Amino acid sequence: MYQNKIELSPQDILEKEFKIDTRGYRLKEVDQFLDVIIGDYEKFYTIINDLEKEKADLLGEIMNLKQELRNLKANAEIINRNGEMPEVTNVDLLRRLSKLEKMVYGKDE
């Protein structure tokens, strides 16, 4: 996402060549400075990738929570209409158990 907005990659900076004339810059200083820039860019890419992964994980979790909320609202409506608990089947129990296991042991999908 953000990588499309960054003009230079670490490789672009590394391969950049400067023209040299009699009153040019000191090459050693330019190289050292570019090394610092390259290091920063590599850190930026790592941070951006980590944040994008975290964002995707959080969006997935939001979707799961929204689905769970919809299911709970539907169950609450059934209870309000009938005045009694809906029939609990083995499938319902297995789903609940599966959700609990995921919450306790982590997401091993």
N, C-alpha and C. Protein backbone atom coordinates (compact mmCIF):
# COMPACT_ATOMS: atom_id res chain seq x y z
N MET A 1 0.82 -1.18 0.00
CA MET A 1 0.00 0.00 0.00
C MET A 1 0.87 1.25 0.00
N TYR A 2 1.70 1.43 1.02
CA TYR A 2 2.55 2.61 1.10
C TYR A 2 3.75 2.50 0.16
N GLN A 3 4.11 1.29 -0.22
CA GLN A 3 5.28 1.11 -1.06
C GLN A 3 5.09 1.74 -2.43
N ASN A 4 3.87 1.94 -2.87
CA ASN A 4 3.62 2.60 -4.14
C ASN A 4 3.90 4.10 -4.06
N LYS A 5 3.91 4.65 -2.85
CA LYS A 5 4.14 6.08 -2.67
C LYS A 5 5.61 6.43 -2.46
N ILE A 6 6.43 5.45 -2.17
CA ILE A 6 7.85 5.68 -1.95
C ILE A 6 8.56 5.60 -3.29
N GLU A 7 9.29 6.66 -3.62
CA GLU A 7 9.94 6.71 -4.93
C GLU A 7 11.17 5.82 -5.03
N LEU A 8 11.98 5.84 -4.02
CA LEU A 8 13.26 5.12 -4.09
C LEU A 8 13.22 3.85 -3.26
N SER A 9 13.79 2.81 -3.83
CA SER A 9 13.97 1.58 -3.07
C SER A 9 15.41 1.58 -2.54
N PRO A 10 15.71 0.71 -1.60
CA PRO A 10 17.10 0.63 -1.14
C PRO A 10 18.07 0.35 -2.29
N GLN A 11 17.64 -0.46 -3.25
CA GLN A 11 18.50 -0.79 -4.39
C GLN A 11 18.73 0.44 -5.28
N ASP A 12 17.68 1.27 -5.47
CA ASP A 12 17.84 2.49 -6.26
C ASP A 12 18.89 3.41 -5.64
N ILE A 13 18.85 3.54 -4.34
CA ILE A 13 19.81 4.41 -3.65
C ILE A 13 21.21 3.82 -3.75
N LEU A 14 21.31 2.51 -3.60
CA LEU A 14 22.62 1.86 -3.66
C LEU A 14 23.26 2.02 -5.03
N GLU A 15 22.47 1.94 -6.07
CA GLU A 15 23.01 1.99 -7.42
C GLU A 15 23.14 3.40 -7.99
N LYS A 16 22.75 4.42 -7.23
CA LYS A 16 22.84 5.80 -7.69
C LYS A 16 24.30 6.19 -7.85
N GLU A 17 24.63 6.77 -8.99
CA GLU A 17 26.00 7.23 -9.24
C GLU A 17 25.98 8.73 -9.41
N PHE A 18 26.93 9.39 -8.77
CA PHE A 18 27.05 10.83 -8.85
C PHE A 18 28.16 11.19 -9.81
N LYS A 19 27.96 12.31 -10.51
CA LYS A 19 29.02 12.80 -11.40
C LYS A 19 30.12 13.41 -10.54
N ILE A 20 31.32 13.21 -10.98
CA ILE A 20 32.47 13.72 -10.24
C ILE A 20 33.14 14.80 -11.07
N ASP A 21 33.37 15.94 -10.45
CA ASP A 21 34.18 16.97 -11.10
C ASP A 21 35.25 17.41 -10.12
N THR A 22 36.00 18.40 -10.48
CA THR A 22 37.15 18.78 -9.67
C THR A 22 36.74 19.31 -8.30
N ARG A 23 35.58 19.87 -8.20
CA ARG A 23 35.12 20.40 -6.91
C ARG A 23 33.96 19.56 -6.37
N GLY A 24 33.99 18.28 -6.60
CA GLY A 24 32.89 17.40 -6.21
C GLY A 24 32.87 17.08 -4.73
N TYR A 25 31.90 16.30 -4.36
CA TYR A 25 31.75 15.87 -2.98
C TYR A 25 32.77 14.79 -2.67
N ARG A 26 33.00 14.60 -1.40
CA ARG A 26 33.89 13.51 -0.99
C ARG A 26 33.10 12.20 -1.10
N LEU A 27 33.59 11.30 -1.90
CA LEU A 27 32.87 10.06 -2.18
C LEU A 27 32.63 9.22 -0.93
N LYS A 28 33.60 9.22 -0.03
CA LYS A 28 33.46 8.42 1.19
C LYS A 28 32.29 8.94 2.03
N GLU A 29 32.15 10.24 2.14
CA GLU A 29 31.05 10.82 2.92
C GLU A 29 29.70 10.52 2.26
N VAL A 30 29.65 10.63 0.95
CA VAL A 30 28.41 10.34 0.22
C VAL A 30 28.03 8.88 0.41
N ASP A 31 28.99 7.99 0.29
CA ASP A 31 28.73 6.56 0.46
C ASP A 31 28.24 6.24 1.87
N GLN A 32 28.84 6.85 2.88
CA GLN A 32 28.42 6.61 4.26
C GLN A 32 26.99 7.11 4.47
N PHE A 33 26.70 8.28 3.92
CA PHE A 33 25.36 8.83 4.07
C PHE A 33 24.33 7.94 3.36
N LEU A 34 24.67 7.49 2.18
CA LEU A 34 23.75 6.61 1.44
C LEU A 34 23.54 5.29 2.17
N ASP A 35 24.57 4.80 2.85
CA ASP A 35 24.41 3.57 3.64
C ASP A 35 23.38 3.76 4.75
N VAL A 36 23.41 4.95 5.37
CA VAL A 36 22.43 5.24 6.41
C VAL A 36 21.03 5.29 5.80
N ILE A 37 20.90 5.93 4.65
CA ILE A 37 19.59 6.03 3.98
C ILE A 37 19.07 4.64 3.61
N ILE A 38 19.93 3.81 3.09
CA ILE A 38 19.53 2.45 2.70
C ILE A 38 19.05 1.68 3.92
N GLY A 39 19.77 1.80 5.03
CA GLY A 39 19.35 1.13 6.26
C GLY A 39 17.97 1.59 6.72
N ASP A 40 17.75 2.90 6.64
CA ASP A 40 16.44 3.43 7.02
C ASP A 40 15.34 2.90 6.11
N TYR A 41 15.59 2.88 4.84
CA TYR A 41 14.57 2.38 3.90
C TYR A 41 14.25 0.91 4.17
N GLU A 42 15.26 0.13 4.46
CA GLU A 42 15.00 -1.28 4.76
C GLU A 42 14.14 -1.41 6.02
N LYS A 43 14.41 -0.55 7.02
CA LYS A 43 13.58 -0.57 8.23
C LYS A 43 12.16 -0.13 7.90
N PHE A 44 12.02 0.90 7.06
CA PHE A 44 10.69 1.36 6.67
C PHE A 44 9.90 0.24 6.00
N TYR A 45 10.53 -0.45 5.08
CA TYR A 45 9.84 -1.54 4.39
C TYR A 45 9.41 -2.62 5.38
N THR A 46 10.26 -2.95 6.33
CA THR A 46 9.93 -3.96 7.32
C THR A 46 8.75 -3.50 8.18
N ILE A 47 8.81 -2.25 8.63
CA ILE A 47 7.73 -1.71 9.46
C ILE A 47 6.41 -1.70 8.69
N ILE A 48 6.46 -1.25 7.45
CA ILE A 48 5.25 -1.17 6.63
C ILE A 48 4.66 -2.56 6.42
N ASN A 49 5.50 -3.54 6.11
CA ASN A 49 5.01 -4.91 5.90
C ASN A 49 4.40 -5.47 7.17
N ASP A 50 5.04 -5.21 8.31
CA ASP A 50 4.50 -5.69 9.59
C ASP A 50 3.15 -5.05 9.88
N LEU A 51 3.04 -3.74 9.64
CA LEU A 51 1.79 -3.04 9.90
C LEU A 51 0.67 -3.51 8.96
N GLU A 52 1.02 -3.77 7.71
CA GLU A 52 0.01 -4.27 6.76
C GLU A 52 -0.49 -5.64 7.19
N LYS A 53 0.41 -6.50 7.67
CA LYS A 53 0.01 -7.82 8.14
C LYS A 53 -0.88 -7.70 9.37
N GLU A 54 -0.47 -6.83 10.30
CA GLU A 54 -1.27 -6.62 11.50
C GLU A 54 -2.65 -6.07 11.15
N LYS A 55 -2.70 -5.16 10.19
CA LYS A 55 -3.98 -4.59 9.76
C LYS A 55 -4.88 -5.68 9.18
N ALA A 56 -4.31 -6.55 8.35
CA ALA A 56 -5.10 -7.64 7.76
C ALA A 56 -5.62 -8.58 8.85
N ASP A 57 -4.78 -8.88 9.84
CA ASP A 57 -5.21 -9.74 10.94
C ASP A 57 -6.35 -9.10 11.73
N LEU A 58 -6.21 -7.79 12.00
CA LEU A 58 -7.25 -7.09 12.76
C LEU A 58 -8.56 -7.00 11.98
N LEU A 59 -8.46 -6.79 10.67
CA LEU A 59 -9.68 -6.75 9.85
C LEU A 59 -10.38 -8.11 9.86
N GLY A 60 -9.60 -9.19 9.81
CA GLY A 60 -10.18 -10.53 9.90
C GLY A 60 -10.86 -10.76 11.23
N GLU A 61 -10.22 -10.29 12.29
CA GLU A 61 -10.80 -10.44 13.62
C GLU A 61 -12.09 -9.62 13.75
N ILE A 62 -12.09 -8.42 13.17
CA ILE A 62 -13.30 -7.59 13.18
C ILE A 62 -14.44 -8.31 12.46
N MET A 63 -14.14 -8.89 11.31
CA MET A 63 -15.18 -9.61 10.57
C MET A 63 -15.73 -10.77 11.38
N ASN A 64 -14.87 -11.50 12.05
CA ASN A 64 -15.32 -12.62 12.89
C ASN A 64 -16.20 -12.12 14.03
N LEU A 65 -15.80 -11.02 14.66
CA LEU A 65 -16.58 -10.48 15.77
C LEU A 65 -17.93 -9.95 15.29
N LYS A 66 -17.94 -9.34 14.10
CA LYS A 66 -19.21 -8.86 13.56
C LYS A 66 -20.16 -10.03 13.28
N GLN A 67 -19.61 -11.11 12.74
CA GLN A 67 -20.43 -12.30 12.47
C GLN A 67 -20.96 -12.88 13.77
N GLU A 68 -20.11 -12.94 14.77
CA GLU A 68 -20.54 -13.46 16.07
C GLU A 68 -21.63 -12.57 16.67
N LEU A 69 -21.48 -11.26 16.53
CA LEU A 69 -22.49 -10.33 17.03
C LEU A 69 -23.82 -10.53 16.31
N ARG A 70 -23.77 -10.71 14.98
CA ARG A 70 -25.00 -10.96 14.22
C ARG A 70 -25.68 -12.24 14.71
N ASN A 71 -24.88 -13.27 14.94
CA ASN A 71 -25.44 -14.54 15.42
C ASN A 71 -26.08 -14.37 16.79
N LEU A 72 -25.42 -13.62 17.67
CA LEU A 72 -25.96 -13.41 19.01
C LEU A 72 -27.25 -12.59 18.96
N LYS A 73 -27.27 -11.58 18.09
CA LYS A 73 -28.50 -10.79 17.95
C LYS A 73 -29.64 -11.65 17.42
N ALA A 74 -29.34 -12.52 16.47
CA ALA A 74 -30.38 -13.40 15.93
C ALA A 74 -30.89 -14.33 17.02
N ASN A 75 -30.00 -14.87 17.83
CA ASN A 75 -30.42 -15.74 18.93
C ASN A 75 -31.25 -14.97 19.95
N ALA A 76 -30.86 -13.72 20.23
CA ALA A 76 -31.62 -12.91 21.18
C ALA A 76 -33.02 -12.63 20.65
N GLU A 77 -33.14 -12.38 19.35
CA GLU A 77 -34.46 -12.16 18.76
C GLU A 77 -35.33 -13.40 18.87
N ILE A 78 -34.74 -14.56 18.65
CA ILE A 78 -35.50 -15.82 18.76
C ILE A 78 -35.98 -16.01 20.19
N ILE A 79 -35.10 -15.70 21.13
CA ILE A 79 -35.48 -15.85 22.55
C ILE A 79 -36.60 -14.88 22.89
N ASN A 80 -36.49 -13.65 22.42
CA ASN A 80 -37.52 -12.64 22.72
C ASN A 80 -38.87 -13.02 22.10
N ARG A 81 -38.84 -13.60 20.91
CA ARG A 81 -40.09 -13.99 20.25
C ARG A 81 -40.75 -15.17 20.95
N ASN A 82 -39.93 -16.14 21.25
CA ASN A 82 -40.47 -17.39 21.81
C ASN A 82 -40.54 -17.39 23.32
N GLY A 83 -39.77 -16.54 23.96
CA GLY A 83 -39.74 -16.54 25.42
C GLY A 83 -39.02 -17.73 26.00
N GLU A 84 -38.29 -18.42 25.17
CA GLU A 84 -37.55 -19.60 25.65
C GLU A 84 -36.24 -19.71 24.90
N MET A 85 -35.39 -20.55 25.39
CA MET A 85 -34.08 -20.76 24.77
C MET A 85 -34.25 -21.57 23.49
N PRO A 86 -33.48 -21.24 22.44
CA PRO A 86 -33.55 -22.06 21.24
C PRO A 86 -32.95 -23.44 21.50
N GLU A 87 -33.35 -24.39 20.72
CA GLU A 87 -32.86 -25.75 20.88
C GLU A 87 -31.37 -25.80 20.56
N VAL A 88 -30.59 -26.38 21.44
CA VAL A 88 -29.15 -26.49 21.27
C VAL A 88 -28.85 -27.87 20.71
N THR A 89 -28.19 -27.89 19.57
CA THR A 89 -27.85 -29.16 18.93
C THR A 89 -26.38 -29.48 19.17
N ASN A 90 -25.99 -30.68 18.80
CA ASN A 90 -24.58 -31.07 18.93
C ASN A 90 -23.69 -30.19 18.05
N VAL A 91 -24.21 -29.78 16.89
CA VAL A 91 -23.44 -28.93 16.00
C VAL A 91 -23.16 -27.58 16.66
N ASP A 92 -24.17 -27.02 17.34
CA ASP A 92 -23.98 -25.76 18.06
C ASP A 92 -22.91 -25.91 19.14
N LEU A 93 -22.98 -27.00 19.87
CA LEU A 93 -21.99 -27.24 20.93
C LEU A 93 -20.59 -27.39 20.36
N LEU A 94 -20.46 -28.09 19.24
CA LEU A 94 -19.14 -28.25 18.62
C LEU A 94 -18.59 -26.92 18.12
N ARG A 95 -19.46 -26.08 17.57
CA ARG A 95 -19.01 -24.75 17.11
C ARG A 95 -18.53 -23.91 18.28
N ARG A 96 -19.27 -23.93 19.35
CA ARG A 96 -18.87 -23.17 20.54
C ARG A 96 -17.55 -23.69 21.10
N LEU A 97 -17.41 -24.99 21.14
CA LEU A 97 -16.18 -25.60 21.64
C LEU A 97 -15.00 -25.22 20.75
N SER A 98 -15.22 -25.23 19.44
CA SER A 98 -14.18 -24.86 18.50
C SER A 98 -13.75 -23.41 18.71
N LYS A 99 -14.72 -22.51 18.88
CA LYS A 99 -14.40 -21.10 19.13
C LYS A 99 -13.60 -20.92 20.42
N LEU A 100 -14.01 -21.65 21.45
CA LEU A 100 -13.29 -21.57 22.72
C LEU A 100 -11.86 -22.07 22.58
N GLU A 101 -11.67 -23.16 21.86
CA GLU A 101 -10.33 -23.69 21.64
C GLU A 101 -9.46 -22.68 20.89
N LYS A 102 -10.04 -22.03 19.89
CA LYS A 102 -9.27 -21.02 19.15
C LYS A 102 -8.88 -19.86 20.04
N MET A 103 -9.79 -19.47 20.92
CA MET A 103 -9.48 -18.35 21.82
C MET A 103 -8.41 -18.74 22.84
N VAL A 104 -8.46 -19.97 23.32
CA VAL A 104 -7.53 -20.41 24.35
C VAL A 104 -6.17 -20.75 23.75
N TYR A 105 -6.15 -21.51 22.66
CA TYR A 105 -4.90 -22.01 22.10
C TYR A 105 -4.37 -21.18 20.95
N GLY A 106 -5.07 -20.18 20.52
CA GLY A 106 -4.62 -19.36 19.40
C GLY A 106 -5.26 -19.82 18.12
N LYS A 107 -4.99 -19.07 17.06
CA LYS A 107 -5.61 -19.36 15.77
C LYS A 107 -4.76 -20.34 14.98
N ASP A 108 -5.09 -21.59 15.02
CA ASP A 108 -4.39 -22.63 14.26
C ASP A 108 -5.31 -23.12 13.17
N GLU A 109 -5.53 -22.26 12.16
CA GLU A 109 -6.46 -22.64 11.09
C GLU A 109 -5.70 -23.19 9.92
